[in-house]
Amino acid sequence: MIPWIILAVVAVPLVVLAFASTRRRVAAGEHPGTEDAAARERTEREFAEAEAFEAQWREEHRDDPRERIP
């Protein structure tokens, strides 16, 4: 019984802290602190263009039997 209590008191908070720090690091990497408004707008525009291209590609290849997973 005592090992389970130790696990709950020590390991679970460590896992939660590791998860939170990983999320913070990923969020900081996506938008560096030196990024200005123009760079942020350019990044958002590029993502929008990529998503539009992906939607167009999927529409063109929707009925292609080679692209289907068996």
C-alpha atoms as a PDB file:
ATOM      1  CA  MET A   1       0.000   0.000   0.000  1.00  0.00           C
ATOM      2  CA  ILE A   2       2.779   2.454   0.882  1.00  0.00           C
ATOM      3  CA  PRO A   3       4.555   2.133  -2.510  1.00  0.00           C
ATOM      4  CA  TRP A   4       1.315   3.171  -4.228  1.00  0.00           C
ATOM      5  CA  ILE A   5       1.030   6.235  -2.023  1.00  0.00           C
ATOM      6  CA  ILE A   6       4.645   7.146  -2.771  1.00  0.00           C
ATOM      7  CA  LEU A   7       3.961   6.687  -6.477  1.00  0.00           C
ATOM      8  CA  ALA A   8       0.928   8.947  -6.304  1.00  0.00           C
ATOM      9  CA  VAL A   9       2.682  11.643  -4.292  1.00  0.00           C
ATOM     10  CA  VAL A  10       5.994  11.695  -6.186  1.00  0.00           C
ATOM     11  CA  ALA A  11       5.691  10.257  -9.675  1.00  0.00           C
ATOM     12  CA  VAL A  12       2.359  11.722 -10.745  1.00  0.00           C
ATOM     13  CA  PRO A  13       3.349  15.371 -10.080  1.00  0.00           C
ATOM     14  CA  LEU A  14       6.663  14.772 -11.872  1.00  0.00           C
ATOM     15  CA  VAL A  15       4.837  13.475 -14.927  1.00  0.00           C
ATOM     16  CA  VAL A  16       2.473  16.453 -14.861  1.00  0.00           C
ATOM     17  CA  LEU A  17       5.400  18.899 -14.609  1.00  0.00           C
ATOM     18  CA  ALA A  18       7.219  17.175 -17.485  1.00  0.00           C
ATOM     19  CA  PHE A  19       4.112  17.374 -19.639  1.00  0.00           C
ATOM     20  CA  ALA A  20       3.600  21.067 -18.864  1.00  0.00           C
ATOM     21  CA  SER A  21       7.216  21.960 -19.603  1.00  0.00           C
ATOM     22  CA  THR A  22       7.100  20.049 -22.886  1.00  0.00           C
ATOM     23  CA  ARG A  23       3.994  21.927 -23.977  1.00  0.00           C
ATOM     24  CA  ARG A  24       5.587  25.245 -23.025  1.00  0.00           C
ATOM     25  CA  ARG A  25       8.763  24.416 -24.945  1.00  0.00           C
ATOM     26  CA  VAL A  26       6.818  23.414 -28.055  1.00  0.00           C
ATOM     27  CA  ALA A  27       4.696  26.566 -27.934  1.00  0.00           C
ATOM     28  CA  ALA A  28       7.810  28.718 -27.572  1.00  0.00           C
ATOM     29  CA  GLY A  29       9.420  26.967 -30.533  1.00  0.00           C
ATOM     30  CA  GLU A  30       6.452  27.584 -32.787  1.00  0.00           C
ATOM     31  CA  HIS A  31       6.587  31.344 -32.284  1.00  0.00           C
ATOM     32  CA  PRO A  32      10.044  32.601 -31.360  1.00  0.00           C
ATOM     33  CA  GLY A  33      10.271  35.739 -29.238  1.00  0.00           C
ATOM     34  CA  THR A  34      12.081  37.637 -32.006  1.00  0.00           C
ATOM     35  CA  GLU A  35       9.187  37.112 -34.403  1.00  0.00           C
ATOM     36  CA  ASP A  36       7.454  40.348 -35.401  1.00  0.00           C
ATOM     37  CA  ALA A  37       3.924  40.853 -36.687  1.00  0.00           C
ATOM     38  CA  ALA A  38       4.945  40.643 -40.359  1.00  0.00           C
ATOM     39  CA  ALA A  39       6.737  37.328 -39.866  1.00  0.00           C
ATOM     40  CA  ARG A  40       3.792  35.959 -37.908  1.00  0.00           C
ATOM     41  CA  GLU A  41       1.403  37.032 -40.677  1.00  0.00           C
ATOM     42  CA  ARG A  42       3.638  35.436 -43.318  1.00  0.00           C
ATOM     43  CA  THR A  43       3.707  32.173 -41.353  1.00  0.00           C
ATOM     44  CA  GLU A  44      -0.073  32.148 -40.994  1.00  0.00           C
ATOM     45  CA  ARG A  45      -0.490  32.905 -44.713  1.00  0.00           C
ATOM     46  CA  GLU A  46       1.867  30.038 -45.652  1.00  0.00           C
ATOM     47  CA  PHE A  47      -0.095  27.627 -43.456  1.00  0.00           C
ATOM     48  CA  ALA A  48      -3.358  28.768 -45.067  1.00  0.00           C
ATOM     49  CA  GLU A  49      -1.883  28.283 -48.548  1.00  0.00           C
ATOM     50  CA  ALA A  50      -0.632  24.811 -47.616  1.00  0.00           C
ATOM     51  CA  GLU A  51      -4.041  23.803 -46.257  1.00  0.00           C
ATOM     52  CA  ALA A  52      -5.751  25.104 -49.409  1.00  0.00           C
ATOM     53  CA  PHE A  53      -3.322  23.148 -51.585  1.00  0.00           C
ATOM     54  CA  GLU A  54      -3.908  20.013 -49.518  1.00  0.00           C
ATOM     55  CA  ALA A  55      -7.690  20.364 -49.892  1.00  0.00           C
ATOM     56  CA  GLN A  56      -7.298  20.876 -53.648  1.00  0.00           C
ATOM     57  CA  TRP A  57      -5.004  17.858 -53.950  1.00  0.00           C
ATOM     58  CA  ARG A  58      -7.407  15.651 -51.999  1.00  0.00           C
ATOM     59  CA  GLU A  59     -10.288  16.767 -54.213  1.00  0.00           C
ATOM     60  CA  GLU A  60      -8.306  15.939 -57.361  1.00  0.00           C
ATOM     61  CA  HIS A  61      -7.184  12.536 -56.052  1.00  0.00           C
ATOM     62  CA  ARG A  62     -10.382  11.532 -54.291  1.00  0.00           C
ATOM     63  CA  ASP A  63     -11.325   8.853 -56.840  1.00  0.00           C
ATOM     64  CA  ASP A  64      -7.791   7.657 -57.628  1.00  0.00           C
ATOM     65  CA  PRO A  65      -7.731   3.910 -56.825  1.00  0.00           C
ATOM     66  CA  ARG A  66      -3.923   3.928 -56.387  1.00  0.00           C
ATOM     67  CA  GLU A  67      -4.246   6.277 -53.417  1.00  0.00           C
ATOM     68  CA  ARG A  68      -6.675   4.107 -51.465  1.00  0.00           C
ATOM     69  CA  ILE A  69      -5.489   2.047 -48.564  1.00  0.00           C
ATOM     70  CA  PRO A  70      -6.500  -1.620 -48.956  1.00  0.00           C
END
